[in-house]
PDB file of N, CA and C in Angstrom:
ATOM      1  N   MET A   1      51.153 -56.649 -45.329  1.00  0.00           N
ATOM      2  CA  MET A   1      52.223 -57.009 -46.223  1.00  0.00           C
ATOM      3  C   MET A   1      51.672 -57.908 -47.334  1.00  0.00           C
ATOM      4  N   ALA A   2      52.200 -57.731 -48.483  1.00  0.00           N
ATOM      5  CA  ALA A   2      51.771 -58.534 -49.625  1.00  0.00           C
ATOM      6  C   ALA A   2      52.476 -59.886 -49.626  1.00  0.00           C
ATOM      7  N   ALA A   3      51.745 -60.886 -50.076  1.00  0.00           N
ATOM      8  CA  ALA A   3      52.320 -62.225 -50.172  1.00  0.00           C
ATOM      9  C   ALA A   3      53.398 -62.250 -51.245  1.00  0.00           C
ATOM     10  N   ARG A   4      54.482 -62.953 -50.962  1.00  0.00           N
ATOM     11  CA  ARG A   4      55.570 -63.103 -51.928  1.00  0.00           C
ATOM     12  C   ARG A   4      55.624 -64.533 -52.463  1.00  0.00           C
ATOM     13  N   ILE A   5      54.481 -65.166 -52.457  1.00  0.00           N
ATOM     14  CA  ILE A   5      54.379 -66.511 -53.001  1.00  0.00           C
ATOM     15  C   ILE A   5      53.148 -66.529 -53.895  1.00  0.00           C
ATOM     16  N   SER A   6      53.279 -67.092 -55.044  1.00  0.00           N
ATOM     17  CA  SER A   6      52.152 -67.127 -55.973  1.00  0.00           C
ATOM     18  C   SER A   6      51.159 -68.197 -55.541  1.00  0.00           C
ATOM     19  N   VAL A   7      49.931 -68.060 -56.023  1.00  0.00           N
ATOM     20  CA  VAL A   7      48.914 -69.062 -55.723  1.00  0.00           C
ATOM     21  C   VAL A   7      49.334 -70.412 -56.290  1.00  0.00           C
ATOM     22  N   GLU A   8      49.987 -70.410 -57.440  1.00  0.00           N
ATOM     23  CA  GLU A   8      50.459 -71.660 -58.037  1.00  0.00           C
ATOM     24  C   GLU A   8      51.536 -72.321 -57.175  1.00  0.00           C
ATOM     25  N   ALA A   9      52.472 -71.521 -56.676  1.00  0.00           N
ATOM     26  CA  ALA A   9      53.547 -72.059 -55.836  1.00  0.00           C
ATOM     27  C   ALA A   9      52.987 -72.596 -54.519  1.00  0.00           C
ATOM     28  N   LEU A  10      52.024 -71.887 -53.948  1.00  0.00           N
ATOM     29  CA  LEU A  10      51.420 -72.351 -52.704  1.00  0.00           C
ATOM     30  C   LEU A  10      50.605 -73.623 -52.951  1.00  0.00           C
ATOM     31  N   ALA A  11      49.871 -73.678 -54.059  1.00  0.00           N
ATOM     32  CA  ALA A  11      49.103 -74.882 -54.397  1.00  0.00           C
ATOM     33  C   ALA A  11      50.034 -76.077 -54.571  1.00  0.00           C
ATOM     34  N   ASP A  12      51.165 -75.863 -55.212  1.00  0.00           N
ATOM     35  CA  ASP A  12      52.139 -76.945 -55.392  1.00  0.00           C
ATOM     36  C   ASP A  12      52.672 -77.417 -54.044  1.00  0.00           C
ATOM     37  N   LEU A  13      52.953 -76.487 -53.163  1.00  0.00           N
ATOM     38  CA  LEU A  13      53.452 -76.843 -51.835  1.00  0.00           C
ATOM     39  C   LEU A  13      52.373 -77.570 -51.030  1.00  0.00           C
ATOM     40  N   ILE A  14      51.125 -77.150 -51.155  1.00  0.00           N
ATOM     41  CA  ILE A  14      50.030 -77.833 -50.460  1.00  0.00           C
ATOM     42  C   ILE A  14      49.885 -79.257 -50.992  1.00  0.00           C
ATOM     43  N   SER A  15      50.020 -79.420 -52.301  1.00  0.00           N
ATOM     44  CA  SER A  15      49.964 -80.756 -52.902  1.00  0.00           C
ATOM     45  C   SER A  15      51.084 -81.641 -52.361  1.00  0.00           C
ATOM     46  N   LYS A  16      52.290 -81.108 -52.287  1.00  0.00           N
ATOM     47  CA  LYS A  16      53.433 -81.854 -51.748  1.00  0.00           C
ATOM     48  C   LYS A  16      53.212 -82.193 -50.274  1.00  0.00           C
ATOM     49  N   THR A  17      52.580 -81.274 -49.552  1.00  0.00           N
ATOM     50  CA  THR A  17      52.259 -81.515 -48.149  1.00  0.00           C
ATOM     51  C   THR A  17      51.303 -82.694 -48.034  1.00  0.00           C
ATOM     52  N   GLY A  18      50.310 -82.726 -48.921  1.00  0.00           N
ATOM     53  CA  GLY A  18      49.361 -83.838 -48.925  1.00  0.00           C
ATOM     54  C   GLY A  18      50.037 -85.173 -49.173  1.00  0.00           C
ATOM     55  N   HIS A  19      50.968 -85.204 -50.116  1.00  0.00           N
ATOM     56  CA  HIS A  19      51.707 -86.436 -50.398  1.00  0.00           C
ATOM     57  C   HIS A  19      52.558 -86.857 -49.197  1.00  0.00           C
ATOM     58  N   ALA A  20      53.220 -85.892 -48.575  1.00  0.00           N
ATOM     59  CA  ALA A  20      54.045 -86.194 -47.403  1.00  0.00           C
ATOM     60  C   ALA A  20      53.182 -86.710 -46.250  1.00  0.00           C
ATOM     61  N   HIS A  21      52.008 -86.110 -46.081  1.00  0.00           N
ATOM     62  CA  HIS A  21      51.092 -86.541 -45.022  1.00  0.00           C
ATOM     63  C   HIS A  21      50.611 -87.967 -45.292  1.00  0.00           C
ATOM     64  N   HIS A  22      50.283 -88.244 -46.535  1.00  0.00           N
ATOM     65  CA  HIS A  22      49.821 -89.584 -46.890  1.00  0.00           C
ATOM     66  C   HIS A  22      50.908 -90.627 -46.588  1.00  0.00           C
ATOM     67  N   GLU A  23      52.137 -90.297 -46.920  1.00  0.00           N
ATOM     68  CA  GLU A  23      53.248 -91.213 -46.629  1.00  0.00           C
ATOM     69  C   GLU A  23      53.451 -91.389 -45.128  1.00  0.00           C
ATOM     70  N   ALA A  24      53.347 -90.295 -44.390  1.00  0.00           N
ATOM     71  CA  ALA A  24      53.569 -90.355 -42.942  1.00  0.00           C
ATOM     72  C   ALA A  24      52.492 -91.171 -42.233  1.00  0.00           C
ATOM     73  N   PHE A  25      51.292 -91.183 -42.791  1.00  0.00           N
ATOM     74  CA  PHE A  25      50.182 -91.871 -42.147  1.00  0.00           C
ATOM     75  C   PHE A  25      49.644 -93.010 -43.013  1.00  0.00           C
ATOM     76  N   ALA A  26      50.519 -93.610 -43.799  1.00  0.00           N
ATOM     77  CA  ALA A  26      50.116 -94.693 -44.707  1.00  0.00           C
ATOM     78  C   ALA A  26      49.528 -95.883 -43.943  1.00  0.00           C
ATOM     79  N   GLU A  27      50.094 -96.214 -42.809  1.00  0.00           N
ATOM     80  CA  GLU A  27      49.589 -97.346 -42.032  1.00  0.00           C
ATOM     81  C   GLU A  27      48.159 -97.120 -41.560  1.00  0.00           C
ATOM     82  N   ALA A  28      47.778 -95.866 -41.400  1.00  0.00           N
ATOM     83  CA  ALA A  28      46.413 -95.526 -40.977  1.00  0.00           C
ATOM     84  C   ALA A  28      45.557 -95.148 -42.182  1.00  0.00           C
ATOM     85  N   ASN A  29      46.023 -95.496 -43.380  1.00  0.00           N
ATOM     86  CA  ASN A  29      45.331 -95.161 -44.627  1.00  0.00           C
ATOM     87  C   ASN A  29      45.152 -93.639 -44.752  1.00  0.00           C
ATOM     88  N   ALA A  30      46.142 -92.907 -44.262  1.00  0.00           N
ATOM     89  CA  ALA A  30      46.186 -91.441 -44.275  1.00  0.00           C
ATOM     90  C   ALA A  30      45.079 -90.808 -43.443  1.00  0.00           C
ATOM     91  N   VAL A  31      44.407 -91.601 -42.623  1.00  0.00           N
ATOM     92  CA  VAL A  31      43.381 -91.061 -41.730  1.00  0.00           C
ATOM     93  C   VAL A  31      44.083 -90.483 -40.509  1.00  0.00           C
ATOM     94  N   HIS A  32      43.870 -89.213 -40.293  1.00  0.00           N
ATOM     95  CA  HIS A  32      44.549 -88.512 -39.203  1.00  0.00           C
ATOM     96  C   HIS A  32      43.683 -87.331 -38.800  1.00  0.00           C
ATOM     97  N   PRO A  33      42.951 -87.446 -37.694  1.00  0.00           N
ATOM     98  CA  PRO A  33      42.022 -86.379 -37.319  1.00  0.00           C
ATOM     99  C   PRO A  33      42.685 -85.026 -37.050  1.00  0.00           C
ATOM    100  N   GLU A  34      43.959 -85.043 -36.745  1.00  0.00           N
ATOM    101  CA  GLU A  34      44.667 -83.789 -36.479  1.00  0.00           C
ATOM    102  C   GLU A  34      45.460 -83.327 -37.698  1.00  0.00           C
ATOM    103  N   TRP A  35      44.993 -83.704 -38.893  1.00  0.00           N
ATOM    104  CA  TRP A  35      45.723 -83.360 -40.115  1.00  0.00           C
ATOM    105  C   TRP A  35      45.981 -81.863 -40.248  1.00  0.00           C
ATOM    106  N   PRO A  36      45.049 -80.954 -39.855  1.00  0.00           N
ATOM    107  CA  PRO A  36      45.373 -79.529 -40.042  1.00  0.00           C
ATOM    108  C   PRO A  36      46.610 -79.095 -39.269  1.00  0.00           C
ATOM    109  N   ASP A  37      46.789 -79.648 -38.074  1.00  0.00           N
ATOM    110  CA  ASP A  37      47.980 -79.309 -37.283  1.00  0.00           C
ATOM    111  C   ASP A  37      49.248 -79.829 -37.954  1.00  0.00           C
ATOM    112  N   TRP A  38      49.178 -81.049 -38.496  1.00  0.00           N
ATOM    113  CA  TRP A  38      50.328 -81.629 -39.177  1.00  0.00           C
ATOM    114  C   TRP A  38      50.670 -80.814 -40.419  1.00  0.00           C
ATOM    115  N   TYR A  39      49.657 -80.520 -41.235  1.00  0.00           N
ATOM    116  CA  TYR A  39      49.866 -79.697 -42.432  1.00  0.00           C
ATOM    117  C   TYR A  39      50.443 -78.335 -42.047  1.00  0.00           C
ATOM    118  N   ALA A  40      49.918 -77.753 -40.959  1.00  0.00           N
ATOM    119  CA  ALA A  40      50.355 -76.421 -40.534  1.00  0.00           C
ATOM    120  C   ALA A  40      51.848 -76.391 -40.246  1.00  0.00           C
ATOM    121  N   GLY A  41      52.331 -77.374 -39.523  1.00  0.00           N
ATOM    122  CA  GLY A  41      53.764 -77.425 -39.217  1.00  0.00           C
ATOM    123  C   GLY A  41      54.603 -77.609 -40.461  1.00  0.00           C
ATOM    124  N   TYR A  42      54.134 -78.466 -41.348  1.00  0.00           N
ATOM    125  CA  TYR A  42      54.860 -78.731 -42.591  1.00  0.00           C
ATOM    126  C   TYR A  42      54.912 -77.469 -43.458  1.00  0.00           C
ATOM    127  N   LEU A  43      53.768 -76.823 -43.608  1.00  0.00           N
ATOM    128  CA  LEU A  43      53.713 -75.608 -44.445  1.00  0.00           C
ATOM    129  C   LEU A  43      54.487 -74.453 -43.812  1.00  0.00           C
ATOM    130  N   GLN A  44      54.335 -74.284 -42.508  1.00  0.00           N
ATOM    131  CA  GLN A  44      55.027 -73.185 -41.841  1.00  0.00           C
ATOM    132  C   GLN A  44      56.531 -73.267 -42.065  1.00  0.00           C
ATOM    133  N   SER A  45      57.084 -74.449 -41.953  1.00  0.00           N
ATOM    134  CA  SER A  45      58.532 -74.600 -42.078  1.00  0.00           C
ATOM    135  C   SER A  45      59.019 -74.387 -43.509  1.00  0.00           C
ATOM    136  N   ARG A  46      58.139 -74.526 -44.481  1.00  0.00           N
ATOM    137  CA  ARG A  46      58.541 -74.376 -45.883  1.00  0.00           C
ATOM    138  C   ARG A  46      58.193 -73.008 -46.474  1.00  0.00           C
ATOM    139  N   VAL A  47      57.132 -72.423 -45.996  1.00  0.00           N
ATOM    140  CA  VAL A  47      56.752 -71.093 -46.503  1.00  0.00           C
ATOM    141  C   VAL A  47      57.493 -70.006 -45.736  1.00  0.00           C
ATOM    142  N   TRP A  48      57.653 -70.196 -44.462  1.00  0.00           N
ATOM    143  CA  TRP A  48      58.306 -69.290 -43.520  1.00  0.00           C
ATOM    144  C   TRP A  48      57.836 -67.854 -43.707  1.00  0.00           C
ATOM    145  N   ASP A  49      58.623 -66.977 -44.307  1.00  0.00           N
ATOM    146  CA  ASP A  49      58.211 -65.569 -44.427  1.00  0.00           C
ATOM    147  C   ASP A  49      57.784 -65.190 -45.842  1.00  0.00           C
ATOM    148  N   ARG A  50      57.517 -66.177 -46.692  1.00  0.00           N
ATOM    149  CA  ARG A  50      57.161 -65.881 -48.082  1.00  0.00           C
ATOM    150  C   ARG A  50      55.756 -65.297 -48.226  1.00  0.00           C
ATOM    151  N   LEU A  51      55.027 -65.199 -47.118  1.00  0.00           N
ATOM    152  CA  LEU A  51      53.739 -64.511 -47.136  1.00  0.00           C
ATOM    153  C   LEU A  51      53.903 -63.056 -46.683  1.00  0.00           C
ATOM    154  N   GLY A  52      55.132 -62.633 -46.515  1.00  0.00           N
ATOM    155  CA  GLY A  52      55.404 -61.261 -46.108  1.00  0.00           C
ATOM    156  C   GLY A  52      55.675 -61.123 -44.624  1.00  0.00           C
ATOM    157  N   ARG A  53      55.404 -62.175 -43.889  1.00  0.00           N
ATOM    158  CA  ARG A  53      55.697 -62.240 -42.451  1.00  0.00           C
ATOM    159  C   ARG A  53      55.691 -63.705 -42.052  1.00  0.00           C
ATOM    160  N   ILE A  54      56.227 -63.993 -40.904  1.00  0.00           N
ATOM    161  CA  ILE A  54      56.211 -65.367 -40.409  1.00  0.00           C
ATOM    162  C   ILE A  54      54.815 -65.636 -39.849  1.00  0.00           C
ATOM    163  N   VAL A  55      54.216 -66.712 -40.320  1.00  0.00           N
ATOM    164  CA  VAL A  55      52.861 -67.081 -39.934  1.00  0.00           C
ATOM    165  C   VAL A  55      52.931 -68.197 -38.892  1.00  0.00           C
ATOM    166  N   THR A  56      52.130 -68.076 -37.843  1.00  0.00           N
ATOM    167  CA  THR A  56      52.133 -69.083 -36.792  1.00  0.00           C
ATOM    168  C   THR A  56      51.445 -70.364 -37.259  1.00  0.00           C
ATOM    169  N   ARG A  57      51.766 -71.442 -36.561  1.00  0.00           N
ATOM    170  CA  ARG A  57      51.080 -72.711 -36.862  1.00  0.00           C
ATOM    171  C   ARG A  57      49.585 -72.579 -36.611  1.00  0.00           C
ATOM    172  N   SER A  58      49.227 -71.828 -35.594  1.00  0.00           N
ATOM    173  CA  SER A  58      47.809 -71.631 -35.289  1.00  0.00           C
ATOM    174  C   SER A  58      47.087 -70.954 -36.452  1.00  0.00           C
ATOM    175  N   GLU A  59      47.721 -69.970 -37.063  1.00  0.00           N
ATOM    176  CA  GLU A  59      47.121 -69.315 -38.230  1.00  0.00           C
ATOM    177  C   GLU A  59      46.984 -70.286 -39.392  1.00  0.00           C
ATOM    178  N   TRP A  60      48.043 -71.062 -39.637  1.00  0.00           N
ATOM    179  CA  TRP A  60      47.975 -72.060 -40.706  1.00  0.00           C
ATOM    180  C   TRP A  60      46.834 -73.032 -40.457  1.00  0.00           C
ATOM    181  N   THR A  61      46.708 -73.509 -39.223  1.00  0.00           N
ATOM    182  CA  THR A  61      45.639 -74.452 -38.881  1.00  0.00           C
ATOM    183  C   THR A  61      44.277 -73.818 -39.133  1.00  0.00           C
ATOM    184  N   TYR A  62      44.113 -72.582 -38.694  1.00  0.00           N
ATOM    185  CA  TYR A  62      42.858 -71.851 -38.901  1.00  0.00           C
ATOM    186  C   TYR A  62      42.528 -71.752 -40.397  1.00  0.00           C
ATOM    187  N   TRP A  63      43.506 -71.367 -41.203  1.00  0.00           N
ATOM    188  CA  TRP A  63      43.284 -71.226 -42.646  1.00  0.00           C
ATOM    189  C   TRP A  63      42.969 -72.564 -43.299  1.00  0.00           C
ATOM    190  N   LEU A  64      43.668 -73.614 -42.892  1.00  0.00           N
ATOM    191  CA  LEU A  64      43.441 -74.937 -43.482  1.00  0.00           C
ATOM    192  C   LEU A  64      42.049 -75.462 -43.154  1.00  0.00           C
ATOM    193  N   VAL A  65      41.627 -75.299 -41.915  1.00  0.00           N
ATOM    194  CA  VAL A  65      40.279 -75.728 -41.535  1.00  0.00           C
ATOM    195  C   VAL A  65      39.242 -74.918 -42.316  1.00  0.00           C
ATOM    196  N   GLY A  66      39.461 -73.606 -42.436  1.00  0.00           N
ATOM    197  CA  GLY A  66      38.549 -72.761 -43.207  1.00  0.00           C
ATOM    198  C   GLY A  66      38.503 -73.151 -44.672  1.00  0.00           C
ATOM    199  N   ALA A  67      39.665 -73.440 -45.244  1.00  0.00           N
ATOM    200  CA  ALA A  67      39.729 -73.850 -46.652  1.00  0.00           C
ATOM    201  C   ALA A  67      39.007 -75.175 -46.855  1.00  0.00           C
ATOM    202  N   ASP A  68      39.196 -76.103 -45.930  1.00  0.00           N
ATOM    203  CA  ASP A  68      38.547 -77.410 -46.035  1.00  0.00           C
ATOM    204  C   ASP A  68      37.027 -77.268 -45.950  1.00  0.00           C
ATOM    205  N   LYS A  69      36.559 -76.460 -45.023  1.00  0.00           N
ATOM    206  CA  LYS A  69      35.110 -76.238 -44.887  1.00  0.00           C
ATOM    207  C   LYS A  69      34.542 -75.575 -46.139  1.00  0.00           C
ATOM    208  N   ALA A  70      35.246 -74.569 -46.656  1.00  0.00           N
ATOM    209  CA  ALA A  70      34.786 -73.875 -47.865  1.00  0.00           C
ATOM    210  C   ALA A  70      34.779 -74.808 -49.069  1.00  0.00           C
ATOM    211  N   TYR A  71      35.792 -75.642 -49.177  1.00  0.00           N
ATOM    212  CA  TYR A  71      35.905 -76.587 -50.282  1.00  0.00           C
ATOM    213  C   TYR A  71      34.749 -77.586 -50.259  1.00  0.00           C
ATOM    214  N   ASN A  72      34.470 -78.114 -49.088  1.00  0.00           N
ATOM    215  CA  ASN A  72      33.368 -79.065 -48.955  1.00  0.00           C
ATOM    216  C   ASN A  72      32.018 -78.395 -49.169  1.00  0.00           C
ATOM    217  N   ALA A  73      31.844 -77.180 -48.664  1.00  0.00           N
ATOM    218  CA  ALA A  73      30.586 -76.448 -48.835  1.00  0.00           C
ATOM    219  C   ALA A  73      30.327 -76.103 -50.301  1.00  0.00           C
ATOM    220  N   ALA A  74      31.403 -75.909 -51.057  1.00  0.00           N
ATOM    221  CA  ALA A  74      31.274 -75.576 -52.479  1.00  0.00           C
ATOM    222  C   ALA A  74      31.103 -76.821 -53.350  1.00  0.00           C
ATOM    223  N   GLY A  75      31.030 -77.992 -52.740  1.00  0.00           N
ATOM    224  CA  GLY A  75      30.857 -79.219 -53.504  1.00  0.00           C
ATOM    225  C   GLY A  75      32.137 -79.776 -54.081  1.00  0.00           C
ATOM    226  N   LYS A  76      33.264 -79.448 -53.462  1.00  0.00           N
ATOM    227  CA  LYS A  76      34.592 -79.924 -53.876  1.00  0.00           C
ATOM    228  C   LYS A  76      34.896 -79.616 -55.343  1.00  0.00           C
ATOM    229  N   PRO A  77      34.852 -78.332 -55.693  1.00  0.00           N
ATOM    230  CA  PRO A  77      35.107 -77.959 -57.089  1.00  0.00           C
ATOM    231  C   PRO A  77      36.587 -77.993 -57.448  1.00  0.00           C
ATOM    232  N   GLY A  78      36.947 -78.676 -58.491  1.00  0.00           N
ATOM    233  CA  GLY A  78      38.326 -78.656 -58.983  1.00  0.00           C
ATOM    234  C   GLY A  78      39.321 -79.296 -58.044  1.00  0.00           C
ATOM    235  N   GLU A  79      40.574 -79.000 -58.304  1.00  0.00           N
ATOM    236  CA  GLU A  79      41.676 -79.559 -57.531  1.00  0.00           C
ATOM    237  C   GLU A  79      41.754 -78.880 -56.159  1.00  0.00           C
ATOM    238  N   TRP A  80      41.782 -79.682 -55.120  1.00  0.00           N
ATOM    239  CA  TRP A  80      41.766 -79.112 -53.775  1.00  0.00           C
ATOM    240  C   TRP A  80      43.004 -78.276 -53.443  1.00  0.00           C
ATOM    241  N   PRO A  81      44.224 -78.627 -53.889  1.00  0.00           N
ATOM    242  CA  PRO A  81      45.356 -77.768 -53.520  1.00  0.00           C
ATOM    243  C   PRO A  81      45.213 -76.331 -54.045  1.00  0.00           C
ATOM    244  N   MET A  82      44.723 -76.174 -55.268  1.00  0.00           N
ATOM    245  CA  MET A  82      44.549 -74.821 -55.808  1.00  0.00           C
ATOM    246  C   MET A  82      43.440 -74.088 -55.054  1.00  0.00           C
ATOM    247  N   PHE A  83      42.353 -74.775 -54.749  1.00  0.00           N
ATOM    248  CA  PHE A  83      41.266 -74.158 -53.989  1.00  0.00           C
ATOM    249  C   PHE A  83      41.779 -73.679 -52.638  1.00  0.00           C
ATOM    250  N   TYR A  84      42.506 -74.553 -51.929  1.00  0.00           N
ATOM    251  CA  TYR A  84      43.041 -74.193 -50.618  1.00  0.00           C
ATOM    252  C   TYR A  84      43.991 -72.998 -50.730  1.00  0.00           C
ATOM    253  N   ALA A  85      44.878 -73.023 -51.720  1.00  0.00           N
ATOM    254  CA  ALA A  85      45.843 -71.931 -51.886  1.00  0.00           C
ATOM    255  C   ALA A  85      45.128 -70.606 -52.115  1.00  0.00           C
ATOM    256  N   ARG A  86      44.136 -70.617 -52.988  1.00  0.00           N
ATOM    257  CA  ARG A  86      43.374 -69.376 -53.236  1.00  0.00           C
ATOM    258  C   ARG A  86      42.669 -68.908 -51.973  1.00  0.00           C
ATOM    259  N   HIS A  87      42.054 -69.839 -51.282  1.00  0.00           N
ATOM    260  CA  HIS A  87      41.342 -69.502 -50.047  1.00  0.00           C
ATOM    261  C   HIS A  87      42.302 -68.885 -49.021  1.00  0.00           C
ATOM    262  N   ILE A  88      43.455 -69.506 -48.865  1.00  0.00           N
ATOM    263  CA  ILE A  88      44.434 -68.998 -47.891  1.00  0.00           C
ATOM    264  C   ILE A  88      44.915 -67.612 -48.281  1.00  0.00           C
ATOM    265  N   LEU A  89      45.305 -67.421 -49.529  1.00  0.00           N
ATOM    266  CA  LEU A  89      45.809 -66.116 -49.943  1.00  0.00           C
ATOM    267  C   LEU A  89      44.714 -65.057 -49.943  1.00  0.00           C
ATOM    268  N   ASP A  90      43.477 -65.434 -50.268  1.00  0.00           N
ATOM    269  CA  ASP A  90      42.364 -64.481 -50.212  1.00  0.00           C
ATOM    270  C   ASP A  90      42.048 -64.048 -48.795  1.00  0.00           C
ATOM    271  N   ASN A  91      42.330 -64.912 -47.824  1.00  0.00           N
ATOM    272  CA  ASN A  91      42.019 -64.612 -46.428  1.00  0.00           C
ATOM    273  C   ASN A  91      43.229 -64.207 -45.611  1.00  0.00           C
ATOM    274  N   PHE A  92      44.375 -64.104 -46.259  1.00  0.00           N
ATOM    275  CA  PHE A  92      45.605 -63.700 -45.571  1.00  0.00           C
ATOM    276  C   PHE A  92      45.533 -62.233 -45.179  1.00  0.00           C
ATOM    277  N   SER A  93      45.876 -61.978 -43.936  1.00  0.00           N
ATOM    278  CA  SER A  93      45.924 -60.571 -43.488  1.00  0.00           C
ATOM    279  C   SER A  93      47.057 -60.377 -42.499  1.00  0.00           C
TER     280      SER A  93
END
């Protein structure tokens, strides 16, 4: 199924997720080793079926960890929300 969310819309949602995560973990200076799981739940509830099907939290976690590794391996090029969004949509199946 084709994604029904644009890379720009997903990048914006990922950015908002980052802000929400920072607020939720402000006391810990946003340090949270399980951040992919937290992001996954937040994104899953907001994207729901806009990728053409309902995506599990496990899939979101997998994609987020992959995007983070790719972003770091590439030397952190550009804005991370757009990089993550492209990575997720490029690897969506």
